[in-house]
Amino acid sequence: MAKDEHNKAAEHHENAAKYHRTAAEHHAQGDHAKGKEHSTSAQQHSQNARQHSEQAHTKSQQQK
């Protein structure tokens, strides 16, 4: 169902934003190792969000 994919995409977008903010905080504090770790997690969540968004779009088009 497209709604499930939209919800999964939204969850990954929210997690990506959270990890981006956390990464920025660590970089500002000079803890670049932790900042990079959180940036990597943010990137993975962003990629997952894109995948779910594309799947939701495809399913939405099929339901028309």
Protein backbone atom coordinates (compact mmCIF):
# COMPACT_ATOMS: atom_id res chain seq x y z
CA MET A 1 0.00 0.00 0.00
CA ALA A 2 1.32 3.44 -0.93
CA LYS A 3 0.41 4.91 2.46
CA ASP A 4 2.78 2.49 4.22
CA GLU A 5 5.62 3.52 1.91
CA HIS A 6 4.88 7.20 2.51
CA ASN A 7 4.99 6.61 6.26
CA LYS A 8 8.28 4.73 6.01
CA ALA A 9 9.74 7.51 3.88
CA ALA A 10 8.61 10.15 6.39
CA GLU A 11 10.16 8.18 9.25
CA HIS A 12 13.49 7.96 7.44
CA HIS A 13 13.37 11.69 6.58
CA GLU A 14 12.81 12.48 10.27
CA ASN A 15 15.66 10.21 11.34
CA ALA A 16 17.96 11.71 8.73
CA ALA A 17 17.22 15.19 10.03
CA LYS A 18 17.88 14.06 13.60
CA TYR A 19 21.23 12.55 12.65
CA HIS A 20 22.18 15.65 10.63
CA ARG A 21 21.51 17.87 13.65
CA THR A 22 23.48 15.57 15.93
CA ALA A 23 26.37 15.46 13.46
CA ALA A 24 26.41 19.26 13.32
CA GLU A 25 26.54 19.45 17.11
CA HIS A 26 29.49 17.05 17.28
CA HIS A 27 31.36 18.91 14.54
CA ALA A 28 30.78 22.21 16.35
CA GLN A 29 32.24 20.69 19.51
CA GLY A 30 35.28 19.47 17.60
CA ASP A 31 34.35 15.78 17.86
CA HIS A 32 34.74 15.08 14.17
CA ALA A 33 34.83 11.29 14.53
CA LYS A 34 31.36 11.26 16.10
CA GLY A 35 30.20 13.89 13.64
CA LYS A 36 31.26 11.72 10.73
CA GLU A 37 29.56 8.69 12.29
CA HIS A 38 26.28 10.57 12.58
CA SER A 39 26.67 12.03 9.09
CA THR A 40 27.03 8.51 7.71
CA SER A 41 23.85 7.44 9.53
CA ALA A 42 22.05 10.51 8.19
CA GLN A 43 23.11 9.66 4.66
CA GLN A 44 21.81 6.08 5.02
CA HIS A 45 18.45 7.31 6.31
CA SER A 46 18.27 9.80 3.43
CA GLN A 47 18.90 7.02 0.92
CA ASN A 48 16.26 4.83 2.55
CA ALA A 49 13.80 7.73 2.51
CA ARG A 50 14.38 8.21 -1.20
CA GLN A 51 13.84 4.53 -1.89
CA HIS A 52 10.56 4.46 0.03
CA SER A 53 9.46 7.71 -1.62
CA GLU A 54 10.06 6.23 -5.05
CA GLN A 55 8.18 3.07 -4.12
CA ALA A 56 5.28 5.11 -2.76
CA HIS A 57 5.15 7.15 -5.94
CA THR A 58 5.14 4.01 -8.10
CA LYS A 59 2.37 2.42 -6.02
CA SER A 60 0.34 5.63 -6.11
CA GLN A 61 0.58 5.74 -9.89
CA GLN A 62 -0.53 2.10 -10.15
CA GLN A 63 -3.64 2.80 -8.05
CA LYS A 64 -4.93 5.46 -10.48
